[in-house]
N, C-alpha and C. Protein backbone atom coordinates (compact mmCIF):
# COMPACT_ATOMS: atom_id res chain seq x y z
N MET A 1 -15.17 18.20 2.10
CA MET A 1 -14.02 17.35 1.86
C MET A 1 -13.64 16.61 3.14
N ILE A 2 -13.37 15.33 3.01
CA ILE A 2 -12.92 14.52 4.14
C ILE A 2 -11.40 14.55 4.15
N GLU A 3 -10.84 14.92 5.28
CA GLU A 3 -9.39 15.03 5.39
C GLU A 3 -8.71 13.69 5.07
N PRO A 4 -7.63 13.72 4.30
CA PRO A 4 -6.90 12.49 4.01
C PRO A 4 -6.11 12.03 5.23
N ILE A 5 -5.71 10.79 5.19
CA ILE A 5 -4.75 10.26 6.16
C ILE A 5 -3.37 10.62 5.63
N ARG A 6 -2.54 11.22 6.48
CA ARG A 6 -1.16 11.55 6.09
C ARG A 6 -0.23 10.92 7.12
N ILE A 7 0.75 10.19 6.62
CA ILE A 7 1.70 9.50 7.48
C ILE A 7 3.09 9.76 6.93
N GLU A 8 4.04 10.02 7.82
CA GLU A 8 5.44 10.19 7.46
C GLU A 8 6.29 9.40 8.42
N PHE A 9 7.30 8.72 7.90
CA PHE A 9 8.24 8.01 8.75
C PHE A 9 9.53 7.81 7.98
N GLU A 10 10.58 7.41 8.68
CA GLU A 10 11.86 7.13 8.03
C GLU A 10 12.21 5.67 8.21
N VAL A 11 12.92 5.16 7.22
CA VAL A 11 13.34 3.76 7.24
C VAL A 11 14.82 3.71 6.85
N ASP A 12 15.55 2.78 7.46
CA ASP A 12 16.99 2.67 7.24
C ASP A 12 17.31 1.84 6.01
N CYS A 13 17.13 2.46 4.85
CA CYS A 13 17.50 1.85 3.57
C CYS A 13 17.43 2.93 2.50
N PRO A 14 18.09 2.72 1.37
CA PRO A 14 18.00 3.68 0.27
C PRO A 14 16.59 3.72 -0.33
N ALA A 15 16.23 4.83 -0.96
CA ALA A 15 14.90 5.00 -1.55
C ALA A 15 14.56 3.92 -2.58
N PRO A 16 15.49 3.55 -3.48
CA PRO A 16 15.13 2.50 -4.45
C PRO A 16 14.75 1.18 -3.77
N HIS A 17 15.42 0.88 -2.66
CA HIS A 17 15.10 -0.36 -1.95
C HIS A 17 13.72 -0.26 -1.28
N ALA A 18 13.44 0.88 -0.65
CA ALA A 18 12.12 1.06 -0.01
C ALA A 18 11.01 0.92 -1.05
N PHE A 19 11.20 1.53 -2.21
CA PHE A 19 10.20 1.45 -3.28
C PHE A 19 10.02 0.01 -3.73
N ASP A 20 11.12 -0.69 -3.91
CA ASP A 20 11.07 -2.10 -4.35
C ASP A 20 10.36 -2.98 -3.33
N VAL A 21 10.64 -2.78 -2.05
CA VAL A 21 9.98 -3.59 -1.01
C VAL A 21 8.48 -3.31 -1.01
N TRP A 22 8.08 -2.05 -1.16
CA TRP A 22 6.65 -1.71 -1.15
C TRP A 22 5.94 -2.30 -2.36
N THR A 23 6.62 -2.41 -3.49
CA THR A 23 5.96 -2.77 -4.74
C THR A 23 6.21 -4.22 -5.13
N THR A 24 7.36 -4.51 -5.68
CA THR A 24 7.59 -5.84 -6.25
C THR A 24 7.85 -6.91 -5.19
N ARG A 25 8.10 -6.49 -3.95
CA ARG A 25 8.33 -7.46 -2.88
C ARG A 25 7.25 -7.39 -1.79
N ILE A 26 6.10 -6.90 -2.16
CA ILE A 26 4.99 -6.71 -1.21
C ILE A 26 4.57 -8.03 -0.55
N ALA A 27 4.67 -9.13 -1.28
CA ALA A 27 4.26 -10.43 -0.73
C ALA A 27 5.10 -10.84 0.47
N GLY A 28 6.32 -10.30 0.57
CA GLY A 28 7.21 -10.67 1.66
C GLY A 28 6.86 -10.06 3.00
N TRP A 29 6.02 -9.05 3.02
CA TRP A 29 5.73 -8.39 4.29
C TRP A 29 4.24 -8.15 4.54
N TRP A 30 3.40 -8.24 3.53
CA TRP A 30 1.98 -7.93 3.73
C TRP A 30 1.34 -9.02 4.59
N PRO A 31 0.73 -8.68 5.73
CA PRO A 31 0.15 -9.68 6.62
C PRO A 31 -1.15 -10.29 6.09
N ALA A 32 -1.31 -11.59 6.28
CA ALA A 32 -2.49 -12.31 5.78
C ALA A 32 -3.79 -11.77 6.36
N ASP A 33 -3.76 -11.22 7.58
CA ASP A 33 -5.00 -10.71 8.17
C ASP A 33 -5.45 -9.38 7.55
N HIS A 34 -4.67 -8.86 6.61
CA HIS A 34 -5.06 -7.67 5.85
C HIS A 34 -5.34 -8.02 4.39
N THR A 35 -5.90 -9.21 4.18
CA THR A 35 -6.26 -9.67 2.84
C THR A 35 -7.75 -9.99 2.81
N VAL A 36 -8.26 -10.29 1.63
CA VAL A 36 -9.66 -10.67 1.50
C VAL A 36 -9.87 -12.08 2.03
N SER A 37 -9.03 -13.01 1.60
CA SER A 37 -9.21 -14.42 1.96
C SER A 37 -8.73 -14.74 3.37
N GLY A 38 -7.73 -14.02 3.85
CA GLY A 38 -7.16 -14.32 5.16
C GLY A 38 -6.27 -15.55 5.17
N GLU A 39 -6.05 -16.15 4.00
CA GLU A 39 -5.23 -17.36 3.92
C GLU A 39 -3.76 -17.02 4.11
N ALA A 40 -3.05 -17.90 4.80
CA ALA A 40 -1.62 -17.69 5.01
C ALA A 40 -0.82 -18.00 3.74
N ASP A 41 -1.29 -18.96 2.95
CA ASP A 41 -0.58 -19.38 1.75
C ASP A 41 -1.18 -18.68 0.53
N LEU A 42 -0.74 -17.45 0.29
CA LEU A 42 -1.25 -16.71 -0.85
C LEU A 42 -0.16 -15.81 -1.40
N ALA A 43 -0.38 -15.30 -2.59
CA ALA A 43 0.54 -14.35 -3.20
C ALA A 43 -0.14 -12.98 -3.22
N VAL A 44 0.60 -11.96 -2.84
CA VAL A 44 0.14 -10.59 -2.98
C VAL A 44 0.96 -10.00 -4.12
N VAL A 45 0.28 -9.44 -5.11
CA VAL A 45 0.95 -9.00 -6.33
C VAL A 45 0.62 -7.53 -6.61
N LEU A 46 1.66 -6.75 -6.87
CA LEU A 46 1.51 -5.40 -7.39
C LEU A 46 2.26 -5.39 -8.71
N GLU A 47 1.52 -5.31 -9.80
CA GLU A 47 2.15 -5.32 -11.13
C GLU A 47 2.86 -3.99 -11.34
N PRO A 48 4.18 -4.02 -11.57
CA PRO A 48 5.01 -2.81 -11.56
C PRO A 48 4.94 -1.96 -12.82
N ARG A 49 3.79 -1.29 -12.99
CA ARG A 49 3.61 -0.42 -14.16
C ARG A 49 2.33 0.38 -13.97
N THR A 50 2.22 1.50 -14.66
CA THR A 50 0.96 2.23 -14.69
C THR A 50 -0.10 1.32 -15.31
N GLY A 51 -1.23 1.23 -14.66
CA GLY A 51 -2.29 0.32 -15.10
C GLY A 51 -2.17 -1.07 -14.50
N GLY A 52 -1.10 -1.32 -13.75
CA GLY A 52 -0.90 -2.63 -13.12
C GLY A 52 -1.93 -2.90 -12.04
N ARG A 53 -2.28 -4.16 -11.92
CA ARG A 53 -3.24 -4.57 -10.89
C ARG A 53 -2.53 -4.77 -9.56
N ILE A 54 -3.28 -4.61 -8.48
CA ILE A 54 -2.87 -5.00 -7.14
C ILE A 54 -3.91 -6.02 -6.70
N PHE A 55 -3.44 -7.23 -6.35
CA PHE A 55 -4.40 -8.29 -6.04
C PHE A 55 -3.75 -9.37 -5.20
N GLU A 56 -4.60 -10.24 -4.66
CA GLU A 56 -4.11 -11.44 -3.99
C GLU A 56 -4.54 -12.65 -4.80
N ARG A 57 -3.70 -13.68 -4.75
CA ARG A 57 -4.02 -14.95 -5.41
C ARG A 57 -3.84 -16.05 -4.37
N THR A 58 -4.90 -16.81 -4.14
CA THR A 58 -4.85 -17.89 -3.15
C THR A 58 -4.17 -19.12 -3.74
N ALA A 59 -3.85 -20.07 -2.88
CA ALA A 59 -3.23 -21.32 -3.34
C ALA A 59 -4.15 -22.05 -4.32
N ALA A 60 -5.46 -21.87 -4.19
CA ALA A 60 -6.42 -22.50 -5.10
C ALA A 60 -6.57 -21.74 -6.42
N GLY A 61 -5.86 -20.60 -6.55
CA GLY A 61 -5.91 -19.84 -7.78
C GLY A 61 -6.97 -18.76 -7.84
N LEU A 62 -7.71 -18.56 -6.76
CA LEU A 62 -8.70 -17.48 -6.72
C LEU A 62 -7.98 -16.14 -6.62
N GLU A 63 -8.47 -15.15 -7.35
CA GLU A 63 -7.87 -13.82 -7.31
C GLU A 63 -8.88 -12.80 -6.81
N TYR A 64 -8.40 -11.90 -5.96
CA TYR A 64 -9.22 -10.82 -5.42
C TYR A 64 -8.51 -9.50 -5.72
N ASP A 65 -9.15 -8.65 -6.51
CA ASP A 65 -8.57 -7.36 -6.86
C ASP A 65 -8.62 -6.42 -5.67
N TRP A 66 -7.51 -5.68 -5.49
CA TRP A 66 -7.42 -4.69 -4.42
C TRP A 66 -7.31 -3.28 -4.97
N GLY A 67 -6.74 -3.14 -6.17
CA GLY A 67 -6.52 -1.80 -6.69
C GLY A 67 -5.83 -1.80 -8.03
N GLU A 68 -5.43 -0.58 -8.44
CA GLU A 68 -4.79 -0.39 -9.74
C GLU A 68 -3.78 0.75 -9.65
N VAL A 69 -2.59 0.52 -10.17
CA VAL A 69 -1.53 1.53 -10.18
C VAL A 69 -1.90 2.61 -11.20
N THR A 70 -1.90 3.87 -10.76
CA THR A 70 -2.21 4.98 -11.66
C THR A 70 -0.98 5.84 -11.98
N VAL A 71 0.01 5.84 -11.10
CA VAL A 71 1.27 6.55 -11.35
C VAL A 71 2.40 5.63 -10.92
N TRP A 72 3.35 5.40 -11.82
CA TRP A 72 4.50 4.53 -11.55
C TRP A 72 5.76 5.32 -11.88
N GLU A 73 6.43 5.85 -10.84
CA GLU A 73 7.64 6.66 -11.01
C GLU A 73 8.72 6.18 -10.04
N PRO A 74 9.29 4.99 -10.30
CA PRO A 74 10.31 4.48 -9.40
C PRO A 74 11.57 5.36 -9.45
N PRO A 75 12.26 5.54 -8.34
CA PRO A 75 11.95 4.99 -7.02
C PRO A 75 11.28 5.99 -6.10
N SER A 76 10.69 7.04 -6.67
CA SER A 76 10.25 8.12 -5.80
C SER A 76 8.75 8.24 -5.58
N ARG A 77 7.92 7.73 -6.51
CA ARG A 77 6.48 8.00 -6.36
C ARG A 77 5.64 6.87 -6.93
N LEU A 78 4.62 6.51 -6.17
CA LEU A 78 3.66 5.49 -6.56
C LEU A 78 2.27 5.99 -6.14
N VAL A 79 1.31 5.91 -7.05
CA VAL A 79 -0.07 6.26 -6.73
C VAL A 79 -0.94 5.12 -7.22
N TYR A 80 -1.90 4.73 -6.38
CA TYR A 80 -2.82 3.67 -6.81
C TYR A 80 -4.22 3.88 -6.26
N LEU A 81 -5.18 3.37 -7.03
CA LEU A 81 -6.56 3.28 -6.55
C LEU A 81 -6.62 2.09 -5.62
N TRP A 82 -7.39 2.20 -4.55
CA TRP A 82 -7.40 1.19 -3.50
C TRP A 82 -8.83 0.85 -3.13
N HIS A 83 -9.16 -0.44 -3.24
CA HIS A 83 -10.52 -0.86 -2.89
C HIS A 83 -10.53 -2.25 -2.25
N LEU A 84 -9.57 -2.52 -1.39
CA LEU A 84 -9.52 -3.79 -0.66
C LEU A 84 -10.84 -3.97 0.10
N ARG A 85 -11.48 -5.12 -0.15
CA ARG A 85 -12.77 -5.47 0.48
C ARG A 85 -13.92 -4.54 0.08
N ARG A 86 -13.77 -3.81 -1.02
CA ARG A 86 -14.82 -2.90 -1.51
C ARG A 86 -14.94 -3.07 -3.02
N ASP A 87 -16.01 -2.52 -3.59
CA ASP A 87 -16.16 -2.48 -5.04
C ASP A 87 -15.19 -1.45 -5.62
N ARG A 88 -14.80 -1.67 -6.87
CA ARG A 88 -13.88 -0.74 -7.53
C ARG A 88 -14.47 0.68 -7.57
N ALA A 89 -15.77 0.81 -7.68
CA ALA A 89 -16.42 2.12 -7.71
C ALA A 89 -16.20 2.89 -6.41
N ASP A 90 -15.85 2.19 -5.35
CA ASP A 90 -15.61 2.80 -4.04
C ASP A 90 -14.13 3.07 -3.77
N ALA A 91 -13.31 3.03 -4.80
CA ALA A 91 -11.86 3.15 -4.61
C ALA A 91 -11.47 4.51 -4.03
N THR A 92 -10.54 4.45 -3.08
CA THR A 92 -9.87 5.64 -2.59
C THR A 92 -8.52 5.69 -3.31
N GLU A 93 -7.70 6.67 -2.99
CA GLU A 93 -6.41 6.81 -3.67
C GLU A 93 -5.29 6.89 -2.64
N VAL A 94 -4.21 6.16 -2.90
CA VAL A 94 -3.04 6.16 -2.03
C VAL A 94 -1.85 6.67 -2.83
N GLU A 95 -1.14 7.65 -2.27
CA GLU A 95 0.10 8.14 -2.88
C GLU A 95 1.23 7.90 -1.91
N ILE A 96 2.31 7.31 -2.42
CA ILE A 96 3.48 7.02 -1.60
C ILE A 96 4.69 7.67 -2.26
N ARG A 97 5.40 8.46 -1.48
CA ARG A 97 6.63 9.11 -1.95
C ARG A 97 7.80 8.60 -1.12
N SER A 98 8.89 8.29 -1.80
CA SER A 98 10.12 7.86 -1.14
C SER A 98 11.17 8.93 -1.41
N ILE A 99 11.67 9.55 -0.34
CA ILE A 99 12.63 10.64 -0.46
C ILE A 99 13.89 10.26 0.31
N GLU A 100 14.98 10.07 -0.41
CA GLU A 100 16.23 9.68 0.23
C GLU A 100 16.77 10.86 1.02
N THR A 101 16.99 10.66 2.32
CA THR A 101 17.51 11.73 3.17
C THR A 101 18.99 11.54 3.45
N ALA A 102 19.50 10.35 3.20
CA ALA A 102 20.92 10.02 3.30
C ALA A 102 21.13 8.78 2.44
N ALA A 103 22.36 8.37 2.26
CA ALA A 103 22.64 7.23 1.38
C ALA A 103 21.89 5.97 1.80
N THR A 104 21.66 5.83 3.09
CA THR A 104 20.99 4.62 3.59
C THR A 104 19.77 4.95 4.44
N ARG A 105 19.14 6.06 4.16
CA ARG A 105 17.95 6.45 4.94
C ARG A 105 16.94 7.12 4.01
N THR A 106 15.67 6.75 4.18
CA THR A 106 14.61 7.26 3.31
C THR A 106 13.41 7.70 4.13
N ARG A 107 12.88 8.87 3.77
CA ARG A 107 11.62 9.32 4.36
C ARG A 107 10.50 8.84 3.44
N VAL A 108 9.51 8.20 4.02
CA VAL A 108 8.35 7.73 3.27
C VAL A 108 7.16 8.60 3.67
N GLU A 109 6.50 9.16 2.67
CA GLU A 109 5.31 9.99 2.90
C GLU A 109 4.13 9.30 2.24
N ILE A 110 3.08 9.09 3.01
CA ILE A 110 1.87 8.42 2.50
C ILE A 110 0.70 9.37 2.65
N GLU A 111 -0.09 9.49 1.60
CA GLU A 111 -1.35 10.21 1.69
C GLU A 111 -2.45 9.29 1.14
N HIS A 112 -3.42 8.99 1.99
CA HIS A 112 -4.56 8.15 1.60
C HIS A 112 -5.77 9.07 1.57
N ARG A 113 -6.32 9.27 0.37
CA ARG A 113 -7.34 10.31 0.17
C ARG A 113 -8.49 9.77 -0.68
N GLY A 114 -9.46 10.67 -0.90
CA GLY A 114 -10.58 10.33 -1.77
C GLY A 114 -11.70 9.60 -1.05
N TRP A 115 -11.81 9.83 0.24
CA TRP A 115 -12.82 9.15 1.06
C TRP A 115 -14.24 9.51 0.65
N GLU A 116 -14.39 10.60 -0.08
CA GLU A 116 -15.71 11.01 -0.55
C GLU A 116 -16.34 9.96 -1.46
N ALA A 117 -15.51 9.13 -2.09
CA ALA A 117 -16.03 8.07 -2.97
C ALA A 117 -16.91 7.09 -2.20
N LEU A 118 -16.77 7.06 -0.89
CA LEU A 118 -17.54 6.13 -0.06
C LEU A 118 -18.82 6.76 0.49
N GLY A 119 -19.14 7.94 0.02
CA GLY A 119 -20.37 8.60 0.44
C GLY A 119 -20.42 8.83 1.94
N GLY A 120 -21.55 8.52 2.53
CA GLY A 120 -21.75 8.73 3.96
C GLY A 120 -20.87 7.88 4.85
N GLU A 121 -20.27 6.84 4.29
CA GLU A 121 -19.37 5.98 5.07
C GLU A 121 -17.92 6.46 5.04
N GLY A 122 -17.64 7.51 4.28
CA GLY A 122 -16.27 7.96 4.07
C GLY A 122 -15.50 8.24 5.33
N GLU A 123 -16.08 9.02 6.23
CA GLU A 123 -15.35 9.38 7.46
C GLU A 123 -15.10 8.17 8.34
N SER A 124 -16.07 7.29 8.48
CA SER A 124 -15.87 6.12 9.35
C SER A 124 -14.84 5.16 8.73
N TRP A 125 -14.85 5.01 7.40
CA TRP A 125 -13.83 4.17 6.76
C TRP A 125 -12.45 4.78 6.91
N ARG A 126 -12.35 6.10 6.78
CA ARG A 126 -11.06 6.76 6.98
C ARG A 126 -10.56 6.51 8.40
N ASP A 127 -11.44 6.67 9.38
CA ASP A 127 -11.04 6.47 10.77
C ASP A 127 -10.58 5.04 11.01
N ARG A 128 -11.27 4.05 10.44
CA ARG A 128 -10.85 2.66 10.59
C ARG A 128 -9.51 2.40 9.90
N ASN A 129 -9.28 3.09 8.80
CA ASN A 129 -8.03 2.89 8.07
C ASN A 129 -6.82 3.44 8.80
N HIS A 130 -7.01 4.40 9.70
CA HIS A 130 -5.89 4.83 10.54
C HIS A 130 -5.30 3.62 11.25
N GLY A 131 -6.16 2.82 11.85
CA GLY A 131 -5.71 1.62 12.55
C GLY A 131 -5.07 0.61 11.62
N GLY A 132 -5.60 0.51 10.40
CA GLY A 132 -5.02 -0.40 9.42
C GLY A 132 -3.59 -0.02 9.07
N TRP A 133 -3.36 1.26 8.83
CA TRP A 133 -2.00 1.72 8.54
C TRP A 133 -1.09 1.49 9.74
N ASP A 134 -1.58 1.76 10.94
CA ASP A 134 -0.77 1.55 12.14
C ASP A 134 -0.34 0.10 12.29
N THR A 135 -1.19 -0.82 11.88
CA THR A 135 -0.88 -2.25 11.96
C THR A 135 0.05 -2.67 10.83
N LEU A 136 -0.16 -2.13 9.66
CA LEU A 136 0.55 -2.55 8.45
C LEU A 136 1.99 -2.05 8.38
N LEU A 137 2.22 -0.80 8.70
CA LEU A 137 3.52 -0.19 8.47
C LEU A 137 4.68 -0.82 9.21
N PRO A 138 4.52 -1.30 10.45
CA PRO A 138 5.65 -1.97 11.09
C PRO A 138 6.16 -3.18 10.29
N TRP A 139 5.26 -3.88 9.59
CA TRP A 139 5.68 -5.01 8.75
C TRP A 139 6.56 -4.53 7.61
N PHE A 140 6.15 -3.44 6.96
CA PHE A 140 6.95 -2.87 5.88
C PHE A 140 8.30 -2.39 6.39
N ILE A 141 8.30 -1.63 7.48
CA ILE A 141 9.54 -1.08 8.02
C ILE A 141 10.51 -2.20 8.38
N ALA A 142 10.00 -3.25 9.02
CA ALA A 142 10.87 -4.38 9.40
C ALA A 142 11.49 -5.03 8.17
N GLU A 143 10.69 -5.26 7.13
CA GLU A 143 11.20 -5.90 5.91
C GLU A 143 12.20 -5.00 5.19
N ALA A 144 11.89 -3.73 5.06
CA ALA A 144 12.79 -2.81 4.36
C ALA A 144 14.11 -2.65 5.10
N THR A 145 14.05 -2.60 6.41
CA THR A 145 15.26 -2.45 7.22
C THR A 145 16.10 -3.72 7.21
N ALA A 146 15.45 -4.87 7.36
CA ALA A 146 16.18 -6.14 7.43
C ALA A 146 16.86 -6.49 6.11
N THR A 147 16.26 -6.08 5.00
CA THR A 147 16.80 -6.47 3.70
C THR A 147 17.53 -5.34 3.00
N GLY A 148 17.58 -4.15 3.61
CA GLY A 148 18.16 -2.99 2.95
C GLY A 148 19.59 -2.79 3.25
C-alpha cells in the first residue's frame, strides 16, 4: 500500500462557507497553472452532486475532465475520483472533510489516496502531488478567508 497524502489546516470561516468555496466556487480560486489547458480565461466546474463531473471549460468551449464526485455530503464531506492530466482509469481518490471548530473557524482535513491505481508510478506521482497541494491550498485559504 502506498501511503496517502494527509493534510490538515484551519481556515477563518464557517464550515458551510469552506465547503461552498471548495465546490461551487472553485473557479474563483483554482490557479490556471494547475489546469490541463493552462489558459487564464477558463471555467473550472464541480457539479454539486454525487456523480457530478469536475472539469475545465476553455473560452473556445473545449472541456477536459478532471474527476467525478462520489460522495456529496454538504457541508461536511466531499469525496471525488481525481485524474487531472491522466486517464480516468488512473484516478486516485480525494476526501475532504470540513469540521467547524468555532462559529467562524473550520478545520479542513484532506486525504488523497489510491495511488496504487497508477501502478509503478504511484509513489512518484504521490510525491509530486505533495508539491501540488502545497501550491494549491494557499489559493483556497485566501479565497475562503476573504469571502467568509
